Amino acid sequence: MTATTHLAVLDDEVEITTLLAGYLQGHGFRVSQLHSGAALLELMAQDAPALVLLDLGLPGEDGFAIARQLREHWRCGLVIVTGRGDAVDKVVGLEIGADDYVTKPFDLRELVARIKAVLRRVVPLEAGETRPGAEEEATLLRFAQWELDMAARRLLDPRGTEVGLTTGEFDLLSTLATHAGRVLSRDFLLEATRGRDGGPFDRTIDVQIGRLRRKLEDDPNNPQIIKSVRGAGYILVPKVEKGRG
């Protein structure tokens, strides 16, 4: 993440995008203000931002459909910022692949903290750059013929085909894989993957586990890779082999 990290703010209210843009620019971000899904998709094709702040309540548009398009075609951070605070909407947003869900009204300082937390997980390393201690860590985790590339943040299936993961899914799977054979509680997984920013609600982990199972398991209803332990949490069952890319 650099001082010129590009963010997109999509909201139908000009006052809100102007307020957010001014505040975020004051924190060193480059900000594009948008007011329709079409404008966002055009921006994504021409100058894709590292992270999108998306309002769900766009007149005449389905905010969830826009979020799905982002997840299907681009790798970027996605923070839903909306007045829709219903638990069902939050679950749907997370199932689509949002990295965070913020309800209005919100504190601007908290929003910036959430954005930075997502960007730390989303923004790829520059060429030749390494994360602290990376030279001592395994960069490849192999289990059940799957391969998780920690440096490139990608998952390859047994045929060597890349399987798309959201930021939250990657962080959750890498946490399970680095603690393979151990039962990890929801609280531990929340802390490890999201740092409890803003106190995420407990369904977050369950939703992401469900999405991972649909991608990893032959039969998601009878999981053999990520199993539930009643009252305790989740465990990645297969043995993990560590290597370097």
Protein backbone atom coordinates (compact mmCIF):
# COMPACT_ATOMS: atom_id res chain seq x y z
CA MET A 1 0.00 0.00 0.00
CA THR A 2 1.37 3.41 -1.00
CA ALA A 3 0.40 7.02 -0.46
CA THR A 4 -1.26 7.00 -3.89
CA THR A 5 -3.42 3.93 -3.36
CA HIS A 6 -6.53 4.32 -5.50
CA LEU A 7 -9.96 3.99 -3.88
CA ALA A 8 -13.40 4.20 -5.48
CA VAL A 9 -16.41 5.53 -3.56
CA LEU A 10 -19.78 4.56 -5.04
CA ASP A 11 -22.84 6.24 -3.52
CA ASP A 12 -25.82 7.96 -5.11
CA GLU A 13 -25.54 10.90 -2.68
CA VAL A 14 -23.00 13.45 -3.91
CA GLU A 15 -22.65 14.91 -0.42
CA ILE A 16 -21.47 11.55 0.93
CA THR A 17 -18.95 10.86 -1.84
CA THR A 18 -17.61 14.41 -1.51
CA LEU A 19 -17.24 14.05 2.26
CA LEU A 20 -15.55 10.65 2.00
CA ALA A 21 -13.28 11.72 -0.85
CA GLY A 22 -12.07 14.77 1.04
CA TYR A 23 -11.39 12.81 4.20
CA LEU A 24 -9.67 9.92 2.43
CA GLN A 25 -7.56 12.26 0.31
CA GLY A 26 -6.44 13.84 3.56
CA HIS A 27 -5.12 10.41 4.53
CA GLY A 28 -3.07 10.11 1.34
CA PHE A 29 -5.44 8.15 -0.91
CA ARG A 30 -6.38 8.88 -4.50
CA VAL A 31 -10.18 8.77 -4.69
CA SER A 32 -12.65 8.38 -7.54
CA GLN A 33 -16.22 9.49 -6.79
CA LEU A 34 -18.94 7.47 -8.56
CA HIS A 35 -22.72 7.51 -8.51
CA SER A 36 -23.80 4.50 -10.59
CA GLY A 37 -22.86 0.89 -11.17
CA ALA A 38 -22.14 1.62 -14.83
CA ALA A 39 -19.63 4.31 -13.86
CA LEU A 40 -17.91 1.88 -11.50
CA LEU A 41 -17.61 -0.85 -14.12
CA GLU A 42 -16.19 1.66 -16.59
CA LEU A 43 -13.61 2.74 -14.01
CA MET A 44 -12.71 -0.87 -13.25
CA ALA A 45 -11.92 -1.44 -16.92
CA GLN A 46 -9.80 1.70 -17.26
CA ASP A 47 -8.19 2.42 -13.88
CA ALA A 48 -9.12 -0.29 -11.41
CA PRO A 49 -8.88 0.84 -7.78
CA ALA A 50 -7.30 -1.23 -5.03
CA LEU A 51 -10.51 -1.02 -3.00
CA VAL A 52 -14.15 -0.10 -3.59
CA LEU A 53 -16.49 1.43 -1.01
CA LEU A 54 -19.93 0.33 -2.22
CA ASP A 55 -23.33 1.59 -1.11
CA LEU A 56 -26.08 -1.01 -1.57
CA GLY A 57 -28.95 1.48 -1.75
CA LEU A 58 -28.47 2.77 -5.29
CA PRO A 59 -31.77 3.91 -6.88
CA GLY A 60 -32.85 1.50 -9.60
CA GLU A 61 -29.77 -0.71 -9.16
CA ASP A 62 -29.02 -3.89 -7.23
CA GLY A 63 -25.98 -3.22 -5.05
CA PHE A 64 -25.50 -6.93 -4.44
CA ALA A 65 -25.40 -7.56 -8.21
CA ILE A 66 -22.68 -4.94 -8.55
CA ALA A 67 -20.72 -6.61 -5.75
CA ARG A 68 -21.02 -9.97 -7.52
CA GLN A 69 -19.67 -8.49 -10.75
CA LEU A 70 -16.69 -7.08 -8.88
CA ARG A 71 -15.92 -10.43 -7.31
CA GLU A 72 -16.32 -12.34 -10.56
CA HIS A 73 -14.06 -10.14 -12.67
CA TRP A 74 -11.64 -8.17 -10.46
CA ARG A 75 -9.38 -8.68 -7.48
CA CYS A 76 -9.82 -5.68 -5.24
CA GLY A 77 -10.84 -4.87 -1.73
CA LEU A 78 -14.60 -4.52 -1.27
CA VAL A 79 -16.11 -2.70 1.69
CA ILE A 80 -19.88 -2.34 1.71
CA VAL A 81 -20.88 0.98 3.28
CA THR A 82 -24.64 1.18 3.62
CA GLY A 83 -27.61 2.16 5.72
CA ARG A 84 -28.90 -1.41 5.47
CA GLY A 85 -27.91 -2.88 8.80
CA ASP A 86 -30.14 -5.96 8.73
CA ALA A 87 -28.28 -9.16 9.67
CA VAL A 88 -29.54 -10.91 6.54
CA ASP A 89 -28.03 -8.20 4.33
CA LYS A 90 -24.72 -8.54 6.18
CA VAL A 91 -24.67 -12.29 5.64
CA VAL A 92 -25.49 -11.90 1.93
CA GLY A 93 -22.76 -9.29 1.57
CA LEU A 94 -20.20 -11.59 3.14
CA GLU A 95 -21.33 -14.57 1.08
CA ILE A 96 -20.82 -12.51 -2.07
CA GLY A 97 -17.29 -11.83 -0.88
CA ALA A 98 -17.22 -8.40 0.75
CA ASP A 99 -14.15 -7.90 2.92
CA ASP A 100 -16.04 -5.76 5.41
CA TYR A 101 -19.53 -4.38 6.00
CA VAL A 102 -19.98 -0.93 7.55
CA THR A 103 -23.37 0.53 8.42
CA LYS A 104 -24.28 4.22 8.34
CA PRO A 105 -23.81 6.37 10.29
CA PHE A 106 -20.15 5.55 10.80
CA ASP A 107 -17.08 7.16 12.32
CA LEU A 108 -14.68 8.35 9.61
CA ARG A 109 -11.62 7.38 11.62
CA GLU A 110 -12.96 3.86 12.09
CA LEU A 111 -13.73 3.60 8.38
CA VAL A 112 -10.15 4.55 7.49
CA ALA A 113 -8.85 1.93 9.94
CA ARG A 114 -11.06 -0.70 8.31
CA ILE A 115 -9.92 0.32 4.82
CA LYS A 116 -6.26 0.06 5.83
CA ALA A 117 -6.86 -3.35 7.41
CA VAL A 118 -8.42 -4.66 4.19
CA LEU A 119 -5.69 -3.14 2.04
CA ARG A 120 -2.99 -4.86 4.09
CA ARG A 121 -4.55 -8.15 3.08
CA VAL A 122 -5.48 -7.25 -0.50
CA VAL A 123 -2.72 -5.17 -2.05
CA PRO A 124 -0.08 -7.46 -3.62
CA LEU A 125 3.60 -7.03 -2.97
CA GLU A 126 5.61 -4.97 -5.45
CA ALA A 127 8.14 -6.83 -7.61
CA GLY A 128 11.07 -7.90 -5.44
CA GLU A 129 9.35 -6.85 -2.22
CA THR A 130 8.99 -9.29 0.66
CA ARG A 131 7.01 -9.23 3.84
CA PRO A 132 8.93 -9.15 7.15
CA GLY A 133 10.30 -12.59 7.95
CA ALA A 134 9.14 -14.03 4.60
CA GLU A 135 12.53 -15.57 3.90
CA GLU A 136 12.04 -17.84 6.92
CA GLU A 137 8.49 -18.89 6.10
CA ALA A 138 7.13 -21.60 3.82
CA THR A 139 5.54 -20.04 0.77
CA LEU A 140 3.67 -23.13 -0.43
CA LEU A 141 1.25 -25.20 1.63
CA ARG A 142 0.09 -28.47 0.04
CA PHE A 143 -2.80 -30.55 1.34
CA ALA A 144 -5.09 -33.17 -0.25
CA GLN A 145 -3.50 -32.37 -3.66
CA TRP A 146 -4.37 -28.69 -3.30
CA GLU A 147 -1.66 -26.01 -3.22
CA LEU A 148 -1.90 -22.71 -1.38
CA ASP A 149 0.68 -20.17 -2.56
CA MET A 150 1.15 -17.80 0.37
CA ALA A 151 3.35 -15.32 -1.51
CA ALA A 152 1.10 -15.01 -4.58
CA ARG A 153 -2.05 -15.40 -2.45
CA ARG A 154 -3.62 -17.97 -4.74
CA LEU A 155 -5.07 -21.47 -4.52
CA LEU A 156 -4.46 -24.20 -7.11
CA ASP A 157 -6.71 -27.23 -7.40
CA PRO A 158 -5.36 -30.78 -7.93
CA ARG A 159 -5.23 -30.13 -11.70
CA GLY A 160 -3.14 -27.00 -11.21
CA THR A 161 -5.99 -24.63 -12.06
CA GLU A 162 -6.29 -21.47 -9.99
CA VAL A 163 -9.44 -21.22 -7.88
CA GLY A 164 -10.55 -17.70 -7.08
CA LEU A 165 -10.63 -16.73 -3.41
CA THR A 166 -11.79 -13.53 -1.80
CA THR A 167 -9.45 -11.83 0.64
CA GLY A 168 -11.39 -13.20 3.58
CA GLU A 169 -11.45 -16.73 2.17
CA PHE A 170 -7.69 -16.71 1.55
CA ASP A 171 -6.92 -15.41 5.04
CA LEU A 172 -9.21 -18.00 6.63
CA LEU A 173 -7.84 -20.92 4.61
CA SER A 174 -4.22 -19.91 5.22
CA THR A 175 -4.90 -19.70 8.96
CA LEU A 176 -6.48 -23.16 8.98
CA ALA A 177 -3.65 -24.57 6.86
CA THR A 178 -0.86 -23.15 9.01
CA HIS A 179 -2.59 -24.70 12.05
CA ALA A 180 -3.58 -27.96 10.33
CA GLY A 181 -4.68 -30.72 12.68
CA ARG A 182 -5.71 -28.26 15.39
CA VAL A 183 -9.24 -27.25 16.26
CA LEU A 184 -9.50 -23.46 15.95
CA SER A 185 -12.30 -21.59 17.65
CA ARG A 186 -14.40 -18.96 15.87
CA ASP A 187 -12.91 -16.31 18.16
CA PHE A 188 -9.38 -17.35 17.22
CA LEU A 189 -10.23 -17.32 13.50
CA LEU A 190 -11.89 -13.92 13.76
CA GLU A 191 -8.89 -12.48 15.56
CA ALA A 192 -6.42 -14.06 13.13
CA THR A 193 -8.19 -13.05 9.93
CA ARG A 194 -9.92 -9.78 10.75
CA GLY A 195 -8.34 -8.56 13.97
CA ARG A 196 -11.88 -8.05 15.30
CA ASP A 197 -12.01 -4.66 13.54
CA GLY A 198 -15.27 -3.12 14.69
CA GLY A 199 -16.34 -6.37 16.39
CA PRO A 200 -17.38 -8.55 13.42
CA PHE A 201 -20.35 -10.74 14.22
CA ASP A 202 -19.94 -14.48 14.70
CA ARG A 203 -21.63 -15.56 11.45
CA THR A 204 -18.67 -14.17 9.49
CA ILE A 205 -16.54 -17.29 9.95
CA ASP A 206 -19.42 -19.69 9.33
CA VAL A 207 -20.30 -17.95 6.07
CA GLN A 208 -16.71 -18.04 4.82
CA ILE A 209 -16.27 -21.69 5.85
CA GLY A 210 -19.35 -22.52 3.78
CA ARG A 211 -17.90 -20.76 0.74
CA LEU A 212 -14.54 -22.50 1.14
CA ARG A 213 -16.19 -25.90 1.37
CA ARG A 214 -18.07 -25.29 -1.86
CA LYS A 215 -14.72 -24.65 -3.55
CA LEU A 216 -12.61 -27.34 -1.87
CA GLU A 217 -14.87 -30.27 -1.10
CA ASP A 218 -16.22 -32.97 -3.43
CA ASP A 219 -19.34 -32.97 -1.25
CA PRO A 220 -19.69 -29.72 0.75
CA ASN A 221 -22.44 -31.32 2.84
CA ASN A 222 -20.03 -34.05 3.96
CA PRO A 223 -16.74 -32.16 4.26
CA GLN A 224 -13.48 -34.08 4.52
CA ILE A 225 -11.01 -31.19 4.35
CA ILE A 226 -12.49 -28.57 6.68
CA LYS A 227 -14.52 -30.23 9.42
CA SER A 228 -16.66 -28.75 12.18
CA VAL A 229 -16.09 -29.72 15.79
CA ARG A 230 -19.32 -29.11 17.66
CA GLY A 231 -18.98 -26.39 20.25
CA ALA A 232 -15.28 -25.93 19.52
CA GLY A 233 -14.70 -24.60 16.01
CA TYR A 234 -13.12 -25.84 12.79
CA ILE A 235 -10.16 -27.98 11.78
CA LEU A 236 -8.29 -28.55 8.53
CA VAL A 237 -7.91 -32.33 8.57
CA PRO A 238 -5.39 -33.29 5.83
CA LYS A 239 -1.68 -33.25 6.54
CA VAL A 240 -0.02 -30.09 5.22
CA GLU A 241 3.35 -30.22 3.49
CA LYS A 242 5.34 -27.00 3.49
CA GLY A 243 7.67 -25.83 0.75
CA ARG A 244 9.01 -22.80 -1.01
CA GLY A 245 8.11 -21.47 -4.42
